[in-house]
Amino acid sequence: MSLNSHRSQLIATAVAASVTTAGVVWSWNALSKQRKRRQLDQDIRRAIATQGEEHASPDVLLHSAAEDVELTKVSVEDFQYDEELLREQLARNYAFFGDEGMQKIRGSSVVVVGCGGVGSWAAVMLVRSGVSKIRLVDFDYVTLSSLNRHATAGLSDVGTPKVKCVERTLKSIAKWANIDACIDIWRKEDGGDLLEGYDWVVDAIDNIQTKVDLLKYCHDTGIKVFSSMGAGAKCDPTRIQISDISHTIYDPLARSVRRRLRLLGVSSGIPVVYSTEVPGDVKLLPLPEEEFQKGPVKELNAFDDFRVRILPVLGPLPGIFGLNAASYILCEMAGKPINNPLPIKNRKKLYERMYRDLLRREEKLAGEPLARLPIDEDDVALVFEDLYRGRSAIPPHEVPARPTLVRWDYTKPLSVENCIVLDHKDAEKHFEACSGLATERKQGVDLWGPETEEVVKHRAEEARKAIAWVM
């Protein structure tokens, strides 16, 4: 009995000693961190005192277990940021990517071309996640209307360059980061200088030709680039996805960019974030009449080929596009790429089959083989998914067992607004009765009734509005 009692006392003593030791170690670590934070506070305050008021900027907070220390932001050159504090700030990223992945991220560099609603969010999250070298390129200035979507701009920033606004915020977030703000515009003639020495490019440009030039340059020179397509006039975040430029289903800007790139010999290899949502009943806001009285509208542009009309934007959508861009690039940098991004509409084969059916029917009508039709697979997706919502044009608008496209009015050319969705057997019936091959040609309204005709007219109007966004 005494032996067991003695053994129990030894065990209890060992446990108590272990707990005491652990407590001492924990206290020492906490004290060390607290001292480092205080040292950081002192370094910053000394830097402010020596540099004067021109470097003063909004306050940020560093928190310890014992106290909140109010700090004022200065540039990274003013002091050496402690590695232990840096790893603590990036602790969640280290937990996700691991030491090796974070080493790659911290050693990588990015150029963000376009620092508006998309680019500002991408830049902020890249730096928050550990990217230590970033260049910001934009010629534009913050306006009041920028404040509904910009990641860093406030009222006091109105009238200041967007890149300077983003730069200030990034320096307040990441003391270790090298931030280079360039109030400039990317042009293919000399744009290589702005990209030289950087690993990745974020394309957040809203001008089609400049966007195409940048993507073509990056593709030809082997610079990794991620491009943002059109976030304007969209509201449905569930329709946003990442894919290769060649796999974009329907996005007015993506379609236009893809077609121009193909003419330049670039058919794939560029990851993009885009939306399959077709803009609803929104329009480019017109210029006031007095602006037209000042002379040619083109002369009102800040630069040639940049639009002067205002694109309606729901604030959160550009931010989501920018966050998609940052997420994709970070995973690529860390060597943990997003494999096979899930398409929101994984129906490309269906669109190809519907296109072939339509081509066969048009060839039969023409009496000869046709190389291409006036519409493509993108247009098929638009008609089927967005105009007819995957349903037949004939009431009660059931989901077709075999969806098929046909012309509604065979006296008019084939076009998006002159296409309807029917089940295959109804499509064959429509073709035989309404096409030029019919003995007694009928109109669609004669075959399917006025209710169907009204639906077709409404969908044709929707098609015209959608096509207007592509032009």
Protein backbone atom coordinates (compact mmCIF):
# COMPACT_ATOMS: atom_id res chain seq x y z
CA MET A 1 0.00 0.00 0.00
CA SER A 2 2.85 2.39 0.93
CA LEU A 3 4.61 1.59 -2.32
CA ASN A 4 1.50 2.52 -4.36
CA SER A 5 1.09 5.72 -2.33
CA HIS A 6 4.71 6.68 -2.98
CA ARG A 7 4.30 6.00 -6.70
CA SER A 8 1.15 8.16 -6.83
CA GLN A 9 2.99 11.02 -5.15
CA LEU A 10 5.79 10.80 -7.72
CA ILE A 11 3.31 10.85 -10.60
CA ALA A 12 1.45 13.82 -9.13
CA THR A 13 4.73 15.68 -8.61
CA ALA A 14 5.80 15.00 -12.23
CA VAL A 15 2.47 16.20 -13.61
CA ALA A 16 2.60 19.36 -11.50
CA ALA A 17 6.14 20.05 -12.66
CA SER A 18 5.14 19.58 -16.31
CA VAL A 19 2.21 21.95 -15.95
CA THR A 20 4.41 24.53 -14.24
CA THR A 21 7.06 24.24 -16.96
CA ALA A 22 4.47 24.60 -19.71
CA GLY A 23 3.05 27.66 -17.99
CA VAL A 24 6.48 29.25 -17.72
CA VAL A 25 7.21 28.56 -21.43
CA TRP A 26 3.86 29.95 -22.50
CA SER A 27 4.34 33.05 -20.34
CA TRP A 28 7.83 33.58 -21.72
CA ASN A 29 6.59 33.30 -25.34
CA ALA A 30 3.74 35.72 -24.65
CA LEU A 31 6.13 38.16 -22.99
CA SER A 32 8.55 37.93 -25.91
CA LYS A 33 5.80 38.69 -28.41
CA GLN A 34 4.61 41.59 -26.31
CA ARG A 35 8.13 43.03 -26.17
CA LYS A 36 8.50 42.70 -29.95
CA ARG A 37 5.21 44.47 -30.52
CA ARG A 38 6.32 47.27 -28.20
CA GLN A 39 9.62 47.51 -30.06
CA LEU A 40 7.70 47.70 -33.34
CA ASP A 41 5.56 50.49 -31.88
CA GLN A 42 8.65 52.43 -30.85
CA ASP A 43 10.30 51.98 -34.27
CA ILE A 44 7.21 53.30 -36.03
CA ARG A 45 6.86 56.28 -33.73
CA ARG A 46 10.53 57.17 -34.18
CA ALA A 47 10.10 56.95 -37.97
CA ILE A 48 7.10 59.29 -37.82
CA ALA A 49 8.98 61.78 -35.65
CA THR A 50 11.92 61.91 -38.06
CA GLN A 51 9.91 62.05 -41.28
CA GLY A 52 7.38 64.70 -40.39
CA GLU A 53 3.73 65.12 -41.10
CA GLU A 54 3.93 64.33 -44.82
CA HIS A 55 4.17 60.63 -44.02
CA ALA A 56 1.38 60.59 -41.46
CA SER A 57 -1.63 58.49 -42.45
CA PRO A 58 -4.60 56.57 -40.98
CA ASP A 59 -4.03 54.58 -37.80
CA VAL A 60 -3.89 50.80 -37.67
CA LEU A 61 -3.99 48.53 -34.63
CA LEU A 62 -1.74 45.70 -33.52
CA HIS A 63 -3.27 43.63 -30.72
CA SER A 64 -1.53 41.67 -27.95
CA ALA A 65 -3.02 39.65 -25.14
CA ALA A 66 -2.33 42.45 -22.69
CA GLU A 67 -2.96 45.66 -24.59
CA ASP A 68 -4.03 47.43 -27.79
CA VAL A 69 -1.18 49.53 -29.17
CA GLU A 70 -2.24 52.30 -31.53
CA LEU A 71 0.20 52.66 -34.42
CA THR A 72 0.53 55.02 -37.34
CA LYS A 73 1.51 53.63 -40.75
CA VAL A 74 4.85 54.35 -42.38
CA SER A 75 6.69 52.81 -45.30
CA VAL A 76 8.49 49.47 -45.14
CA GLU A 77 11.92 51.07 -45.41
CA ASP A 78 11.56 52.74 -42.00
CA PHE A 79 12.05 49.65 -39.88
CA GLN A 80 12.68 45.90 -40.00
CA TYR A 81 9.48 43.92 -39.58
CA ASP A 82 10.08 40.96 -37.27
CA GLU A 83 9.76 37.55 -38.97
CA GLU A 84 7.90 36.05 -36.04
CA LEU A 85 5.29 38.80 -36.16
CA LEU A 86 5.00 38.38 -39.92
CA ARG A 87 4.36 34.65 -39.57
CA GLU A 88 1.79 35.35 -36.89
CA GLN A 89 -0.02 37.75 -39.21
CA LEU A 90 0.02 35.11 -41.97
CA ALA A 91 -0.68 32.20 -39.62
CA ARG A 92 -3.91 31.12 -41.32
CA ASN A 93 -2.24 31.14 -44.71
CA TYR A 94 0.67 29.09 -43.37
CA ALA A 95 -1.84 26.61 -41.95
CA PHE A 96 -3.49 26.33 -45.37
CA PHE A 97 -0.51 26.30 -47.75
CA GLY A 98 2.28 25.10 -45.44
CA ASP A 99 5.80 26.49 -45.13
CA GLU A 100 6.86 25.54 -48.65
CA GLY A 101 3.75 26.99 -50.27
CA MET A 102 4.01 30.23 -48.32
CA GLN A 103 7.68 30.56 -49.17
CA LYS A 104 6.69 30.50 -52.85
CA ILE A 105 3.92 33.06 -52.31
CA ARG A 106 6.14 35.41 -50.33
CA GLY A 107 8.81 35.15 -53.01
CA SER A 108 6.44 35.91 -55.88
CA SER A 109 5.58 39.22 -57.52
CA VAL A 110 2.44 40.50 -59.23
CA VAL A 111 1.48 43.40 -61.48
CA VAL A 112 -2.14 44.52 -61.20
CA VAL A 113 -3.14 46.40 -64.34
CA GLY A 114 -6.30 48.34 -63.55
CA CYS A 115 -6.92 49.28 -59.91
CA GLY A 116 -10.64 49.91 -59.91
CA GLY A 117 -13.43 47.75 -58.51
CA VAL A 118 -11.79 44.45 -59.56
CA GLY A 119 -8.08 45.19 -59.38
CA SER A 120 -8.18 46.91 -55.98
CA TRP A 121 -9.76 43.84 -54.34
CA ALA A 122 -7.31 41.50 -56.04
CA ALA A 123 -4.35 43.61 -54.89
CA VAL A 124 -5.56 43.82 -51.29
CA MET A 125 -6.06 40.07 -50.93
CA LEU A 126 -2.80 39.17 -52.65
CA VAL A 127 -0.83 41.33 -50.20
CA ARG A 128 -2.93 40.24 -47.21
CA SER A 129 -2.04 36.66 -48.16
CA GLY A 130 1.71 37.22 -48.23
CA VAL A 131 2.71 38.46 -51.70
CA SER A 132 5.66 40.70 -50.94
CA LYS A 133 6.15 42.55 -54.22
CA ILE A 134 3.32 44.15 -56.16
CA ARG A 135 3.09 46.82 -58.82
CA LEU A 136 -0.11 48.81 -59.33
CA VAL A 137 -0.80 50.28 -62.77
CA ASP A 138 -3.70 52.65 -63.48
CA PHE A 139 -4.04 56.10 -65.00
CA ASP A 140 -7.43 56.90 -63.47
CA TYR A 141 -8.49 58.86 -60.39
CA VAL A 142 -10.97 58.07 -57.64
CA THR A 143 -14.40 59.63 -58.13
CA LEU A 144 -17.44 59.67 -55.89
CA SER A 145 -18.99 56.95 -58.03
CA SER A 146 -15.93 54.75 -57.35
CA LEU A 147 -16.89 54.41 -53.70
CA ASN A 148 -19.63 51.84 -54.32
CA ARG A 149 -17.12 49.16 -55.34
CA HIS A 150 -13.50 50.17 -54.66
CA ALA A 151 -11.66 48.14 -52.01
CA THR A 152 -9.71 50.98 -50.40
CA ALA A 153 -11.15 54.35 -51.47
CA GLY A 154 -12.92 56.69 -49.05
CA LEU A 155 -14.34 60.18 -49.35
CA SER A 156 -10.96 61.73 -48.64
CA ASP A 157 -9.51 59.86 -51.65
CA VAL A 158 -11.81 61.43 -54.23
CA GLY A 159 -9.64 63.19 -56.80
CA THR A 160 -6.51 61.17 -55.98
CA PRO A 161 -4.93 58.47 -58.20
CA LYS A 162 -6.42 55.03 -57.65
CA VAL A 163 -2.98 53.44 -57.41
CA LYS A 164 -1.94 55.82 -54.61
CA CYS A 165 -5.13 55.05 -52.73
CA VAL A 166 -4.48 51.30 -52.95
CA GLU A 167 -0.79 51.76 -52.16
CA ARG A 168 -1.56 53.56 -48.91
CA THR A 169 -3.86 50.79 -47.72
CA LEU A 170 -1.47 48.00 -48.70
CA LYS A 171 1.38 49.63 -46.77
CA SER A 172 -0.84 49.84 -43.71
CA ILE A 173 -1.61 46.12 -44.00
CA ALA A 174 1.80 44.69 -44.85
CA LYS A 175 4.88 46.46 -43.49
CA TRP A 176 7.12 44.00 -45.29
CA ALA A 177 5.66 44.48 -48.79
CA ASN A 178 7.30 46.32 -51.67
CA ILE A 179 4.51 48.39 -53.24
CA ASP A 180 5.15 50.22 -56.52
CA ALA A 181 2.33 52.55 -57.58
CA CYS A 182 2.49 53.63 -61.23
CA ILE A 183 0.11 56.34 -62.43
CA ASP A 184 0.30 55.07 -65.97
CA ILE A 185 -1.59 53.32 -68.73
CA TRP A 186 -0.55 50.00 -70.24
CA ARG A 187 0.17 50.23 -73.96
CA LYS A 188 1.50 47.41 -76.12
CA GLU A 189 4.20 49.66 -77.60
CA ASP A 190 6.08 50.06 -74.31
CA GLY A 191 4.04 48.06 -71.81
CA GLY A 192 6.73 45.44 -71.42
CA ASP A 193 8.66 47.77 -69.13
CA LEU A 194 5.80 47.73 -66.61
CA LEU A 195 5.71 43.91 -66.53
CA GLU A 196 9.41 43.08 -66.61
CA GLY A 197 10.65 41.07 -63.64
CA TYR A 198 7.20 40.11 -62.33
CA ASP A 199 5.80 36.58 -62.09
CA TRP A 200 2.08 37.22 -62.55
CA VAL A 201 -0.18 39.82 -64.14
CA VAL A 202 -3.75 40.55 -63.09
CA ASP A 203 -5.68 42.00 -66.02
CA ALA A 204 -8.45 44.18 -64.60
CA ILE A 205 -8.73 46.50 -67.62
CA ASP A 206 -12.21 47.42 -68.83
CA ASN A 207 -11.20 48.51 -72.34
CA ILE A 208 -11.48 45.63 -74.81
CA GLN A 209 -8.62 46.48 -77.17
CA THR A 210 -6.15 47.26 -74.38
CA LYS A 211 -7.19 44.05 -72.60
CA VAL A 212 -6.60 42.02 -75.78
CA ASP A 213 -3.22 43.68 -76.33
CA LEU A 214 -2.14 42.88 -72.77
CA LEU A 215 -3.29 39.25 -72.94
CA LYS A 216 -1.60 38.76 -76.32
CA TYR A 217 1.65 40.26 -75.00
CA CYS A 218 1.64 38.04 -71.89
CA HIS A 219 0.83 34.95 -73.95
CA ASP A 220 3.63 35.61 -76.44
CA THR A 221 6.24 36.45 -73.80
CA GLY A 222 5.34 33.63 -71.41
CA ILE A 223 4.18 35.87 -68.55
CA LYS A 224 1.48 34.25 -66.42
CA VAL A 225 -1.71 36.29 -66.59
CA PHE A 226 -5.18 36.05 -65.09
CA SER A 227 -7.92 38.11 -66.70
CA SER A 228 -11.19 39.50 -65.41
CA MET A 229 -14.11 39.63 -67.80
CA GLY A 230 -17.26 41.74 -67.44
CA ALA A 231 -18.66 42.39 -63.94
CA GLY A 232 -20.73 45.37 -65.01
CA ALA A 233 -24.53 45.12 -65.13
CA LYS A 234 -24.46 41.72 -63.37
CA CYS A 235 -26.11 40.81 -60.07
CA ASP A 236 -26.05 37.01 -59.69
CA PRO A 237 -22.91 35.79 -57.87
CA THR A 238 -23.87 32.14 -58.51
CA ARG A 239 -23.16 32.63 -62.21
CA ILE A 240 -19.51 33.60 -61.66
CA GLN A 241 -16.83 31.02 -62.41
CA ILE A 242 -13.22 30.51 -63.42
CA SER A 243 -12.23 28.77 -66.65
CA ASP A 244 -9.90 29.00 -69.61
CA ILE A 245 -10.81 31.79 -72.03
CA SER A 246 -11.65 29.14 -74.63
CA HIS A 247 -14.29 27.54 -72.38
CA THR A 248 -16.27 30.65 -71.49
CA ILE A 249 -19.91 29.93 -72.18
CA TYR A 250 -21.54 33.33 -72.43
CA ASP A 251 -20.23 36.64 -71.28
CA PRO A 252 -20.41 39.62 -73.65
CA LEU A 253 -16.90 40.83 -72.83
CA ALA A 254 -15.43 37.30 -72.76
CA ARG A 255 -16.93 36.57 -76.14
CA SER A 256 -15.52 39.70 -77.73
CA VAL A 257 -12.07 39.21 -76.18
CA ARG A 258 -11.98 35.53 -77.15
CA ARG A 259 -12.84 36.26 -80.76
CA ARG A 260 -10.20 38.98 -81.07
CA LEU A 261 -7.56 36.77 -79.49
CA ARG A 262 -8.35 33.97 -81.92
CA LEU A 263 -7.70 36.33 -84.82
CA LEU A 264 -4.30 37.00 -83.24
CA GLY A 265 -3.53 33.28 -82.94
CA VAL A 266 -4.34 32.89 -79.22
CA SER A 267 -7.12 30.35 -78.73
CA SER A 268 -6.51 29.14 -75.15
CA GLY A 269 -4.14 29.18 -72.20
CA ILE A 270 -5.52 32.23 -70.38
CA PRO A 271 -7.47 31.68 -67.13
CA VAL A 272 -10.33 34.11 -66.60
CA VAL A 273 -13.11 34.89 -64.16
CA TYR A 274 -16.40 35.58 -65.90
CA SER A 275 -20.15 35.41 -65.49
CA THR A 276 -22.68 33.53 -67.59
CA GLU A 277 -25.39 36.00 -66.58
CA VAL A 278 -26.88 38.05 -69.39
CA PRO A 279 -27.36 41.72 -68.39
CA GLY A 280 -30.96 42.52 -67.60
CA ASP A 281 -32.91 45.73 -68.21
CA VAL A 282 -29.97 48.05 -67.62
CA LYS A 283 -28.25 50.38 -70.04
CA LEU A 284 -25.09 52.40 -70.28
CA LEU A 285 -25.93 55.67 -68.63
CA PRO A 286 -26.04 58.35 -71.35
CA LEU A 287 -23.96 61.49 -71.33
CA PRO A 288 -25.85 64.70 -70.55
CA GLU A 289 -26.88 66.60 -73.66
CA GLU A 290 -24.60 69.50 -72.76
CA GLU A 291 -21.57 67.20 -73.10
CA PHE A 292 -22.41 66.55 -76.74
CA GLN A 293 -22.54 70.30 -77.34
CA LYS A 294 -18.86 70.56 -76.37
CA GLY A 295 -17.75 68.69 -79.48
CA PRO A 296 -17.14 65.10 -80.66
CA VAL A 297 -17.78 62.64 -77.82
CA LYS A 298 -14.49 60.85 -78.50
CA GLU A 299 -12.61 63.98 -77.49
CA LEU A 300 -14.09 63.73 -74.00
CA ASN A 301 -12.20 60.51 -73.31
CA ALA A 302 -9.24 60.56 -70.94
CA PHE A 303 -7.47 58.43 -73.57
CA ASP A 304 -8.41 57.36 -77.06
CA ASP A 305 -10.65 54.28 -77.22
CA PHE A 306 -11.70 54.51 -73.56
CA ARG A 307 -15.42 54.80 -72.97
CA VAL A 308 -17.00 57.93 -71.57
CA ARG A 309 -20.44 56.50 -70.82
CA ILE A 310 -21.00 55.02 -67.37
CA LEU A 311 -21.51 51.29 -66.94
CA PRO A 312 -24.03 50.38 -64.22
CA VAL A 313 -22.31 48.29 -61.55
CA LEU A 314 -23.66 46.48 -58.50
CA GLY A 315 -20.85 47.09 -55.98
CA PRO A 316 -20.21 43.54 -54.67
CA LEU A 317 -19.77 41.92 -58.09
CA PRO A 318 -16.41 43.49 -59.09
CA GLY A 319 -15.11 42.60 -55.62
CA ILE A 320 -16.08 38.94 -56.15
CA PHE A 321 -14.28 38.96 -59.50
CA GLY A 322 -11.15 40.38 -57.84
CA LEU A 323 -11.27 37.82 -55.04
CA ASN A 324 -11.55 35.03 -57.61
CA ALA A 325 -8.43 36.36 -59.33
CA ALA A 326 -6.46 36.53 -56.07
CA SER A 327 -7.56 33.04 -54.98
CA TYR A 328 -6.58 31.45 -58.28
CA ILE A 329 -3.15 33.12 -58.40
CA LEU A 330 -2.32 32.32 -54.77
CA CYS A 331 -3.12 28.63 -55.28
CA GLU A 332 -1.01 28.57 -58.44
CA MET A 333 1.89 30.27 -56.68
CA ALA A 334 1.80 27.85 -53.77
CA GLY A 335 1.85 24.82 -56.06
CA LYS A 336 -1.68 23.83 -55.07
CA PRO A 337 -3.65 24.79 -58.19
CA ILE A 338 -7.42 24.63 -58.41
CA ASN A 339 -7.82 21.47 -60.47
CA ASN A 340 -10.68 21.34 -62.96
CA PRO A 341 -12.73 24.33 -61.78
CA LEU A 342 -16.37 23.29 -61.70
CA PRO A 343 -18.28 24.88 -64.58
CA ILE A 344 -21.59 26.36 -63.55
CA LYS A 345 -22.92 25.26 -66.92
CA ASN A 346 -21.24 22.01 -67.88
CA ARG A 347 -23.25 21.64 -71.09
CA LYS A 348 -20.79 22.45 -73.86
CA LYS A 349 -21.43 19.13 -75.64
CA LEU A 350 -25.16 19.84 -75.61
CA TYR A 351 -24.60 23.21 -77.29
CA GLU A 352 -22.34 21.61 -79.89
CA ARG A 353 -24.99 18.98 -80.67
CA MET A 354 -27.72 21.63 -80.95
CA TYR A 355 -25.49 23.64 -83.26
CA ARG A 356 -24.89 20.61 -85.51
CA ASP A 357 -28.62 19.93 -85.70
CA LEU A 358 -29.28 23.53 -86.68
CA LEU A 359 -26.47 23.43 -89.26
CA ARG A 360 -27.87 20.24 -90.82
CA ARG A 361 -31.31 21.81 -91.11
CA GLU A 362 -29.94 25.03 -92.65
CA GLU A 363 -27.86 22.99 -95.13
CA LYS A 364 -30.97 21.11 -96.16
CA LEU A 365 -32.71 24.42 -96.76
CA ALA A 366 -29.74 25.86 -98.69
CA GLY A 367 -29.26 22.70 -100.74
CA GLU A 368 -25.50 22.74 -100.17
CA PRO A 369 -22.93 22.30 -97.38
CA LEU A 370 -22.33 25.34 -95.16
CA ALA A 371 -18.97 26.04 -93.52
CA ARG A 372 -20.45 28.07 -90.69
CA LEU A 373 -23.71 29.65 -89.60
CA PRO A 374 -24.30 33.31 -88.69
CA ILE A 375 -24.47 32.16 -85.05
CA ASP A 376 -22.10 29.95 -83.04
CA GLU A 377 -22.15 27.68 -79.97
CA ASP A 378 -22.08 30.72 -77.70
CA ASP A 379 -25.24 31.99 -79.32
CA VAL A 380 -26.83 28.55 -78.96
CA ALA A 381 -26.12 28.71 -75.22
CA LEU A 382 -27.56 32.22 -75.05
CA VAL A 383 -30.80 31.21 -76.79
CA PHE A 384 -31.27 27.98 -74.88
CA GLU A 385 -30.16 28.97 -71.38
CA ASP A 386 -30.76 32.68 -71.05
CA LEU A 387 -33.59 33.47 -73.43
CA TYR A 388 -35.72 30.35 -73.20
CA ARG A 389 -34.46 29.18 -69.79
CA GLY A 390 -33.95 25.63 -71.08
CA ARG A 391 -37.63 25.26 -72.00
CA SER A 392 -39.72 24.97 -75.15
CA ALA A 393 -41.18 28.12 -76.69
CA ILE A 394 -44.55 26.38 -76.89
CA PRO A 395 -46.83 26.61 -73.83
CA PRO A 396 -46.79 25.10 -71.22
CA HIS A 397 -43.04 25.53 -71.84
CA GLU A 398 -41.89 22.09 -70.76
CA VAL A 399 -38.25 21.00 -70.63
CA PRO A 400 -37.57 19.37 -74.03
CA ALA A 401 -36.43 15.75 -74.06
CA ARG A 402 -34.14 16.70 -76.93
CA PRO A 403 -33.82 20.49 -77.15
CA THR A 404 -33.45 21.80 -80.69
CA LEU A 405 -33.07 25.23 -82.29
CA VAL A 406 -34.97 26.34 -85.37
CA ARG A 407 -35.72 29.61 -87.09
CA TRP A 408 -39.03 31.12 -86.03
CA ASP A 409 -39.61 33.07 -89.26
CA TYR A 410 -38.10 31.51 -92.39
CA THR A 411 -38.69 34.69 -94.37
CA LYS A 412 -35.97 36.33 -92.27
CA PRO A 413 -32.27 35.44 -91.95
CA LEU A 414 -31.02 33.13 -89.22
CA SER A 415 -30.04 35.15 -86.13
CA VAL A 416 -30.13 34.95 -82.35
CA GLU A 417 -33.40 36.86 -82.17
CA ASN A 418 -34.93 34.67 -84.91
CA CYS A 419 -34.15 31.38 -83.12
CA ILE A 420 -36.50 29.46 -80.85
CA VAL A 421 -36.17 26.35 -78.68
CA LEU A 422 -38.42 23.35 -79.37
CA ASP A 423 -38.38 19.65 -78.67
CA HIS A 424 -36.84 17.76 -81.59
CA LYS A 425 -40.13 16.38 -82.93
CA ASP A 426 -41.75 19.84 -82.75
CA ALA A 427 -38.70 21.36 -84.46
CA GLU A 428 -39.01 18.89 -87.34
CA LYS A 429 -42.70 19.71 -87.64
CA HIS A 430 -41.95 23.45 -87.61
CA PHE A 431 -39.26 23.09 -90.30
CA GLU A 432 -41.45 21.01 -92.59
CA ALA A 433 -44.39 23.43 -92.28
CA CYS A 434 -42.66 26.84 -92.18
CA SER A 435 -39.45 26.58 -94.21
CA GLY A 436 -39.09 27.29 -97.90
CA LEU A 437 -39.23 23.56 -98.58
CA ALA A 438 -42.87 23.36 -97.48
CA THR A 439 -45.54 22.96 -100.19
CA GLU A 440 -47.68 25.57 -98.49
CA ARG A 441 -45.47 27.61 -96.18
CA LYS A 442 -47.02 28.56 -92.85
CA GLN A 443 -46.02 31.08 -90.23
CA GLY A 444 -45.12 30.02 -86.71
CA VAL A 445 -48.22 31.68 -85.31
CA ASP A 446 -50.39 29.53 -87.64
CA LEU A 447 -48.77 26.38 -86.25
CA TRP A 448 -48.39 27.19 -82.55
CA GLY A 449 -50.82 30.03 -81.84
CA PRO A 450 -50.64 33.69 -80.73
CA GLU A 451 -49.47 32.87 -77.19
CA THR A 452 -46.30 31.29 -78.55
CA GLU A 453 -45.84 34.24 -80.92
CA GLU A 454 -45.95 36.65 -77.97
CA VAL A 455 -43.33 34.61 -76.13
CA VAL A 456 -41.07 34.62 -79.20
CA LYS A 457 -41.42 38.40 -79.61
CA HIS A 458 -40.52 38.95 -75.97
CA ARG A 459 -37.48 36.67 -76.22
CA ALA A 460 -36.37 38.39 -79.43
CA GLU A 461 -36.40 41.74 -77.63
CA GLU A 462 -34.30 40.24 -74.81
CA ALA A 463 -31.87 38.93 -77.44
CA ARG A 464 -31.47 42.37 -79.00
CA LYS A 465 -30.65 43.88 -75.60
CA ALA A 466 -28.12 41.14 -74.86
CA ILE A 467 -26.42 41.52 -78.24
CA ALA A 468 -26.15 45.28 -77.72
CA TRP A 469 -23.76 44.61 -74.82
CA VAL A 470 -21.39 42.67 -77.08
CA MET A 471 -21.05 45.41 -79.66
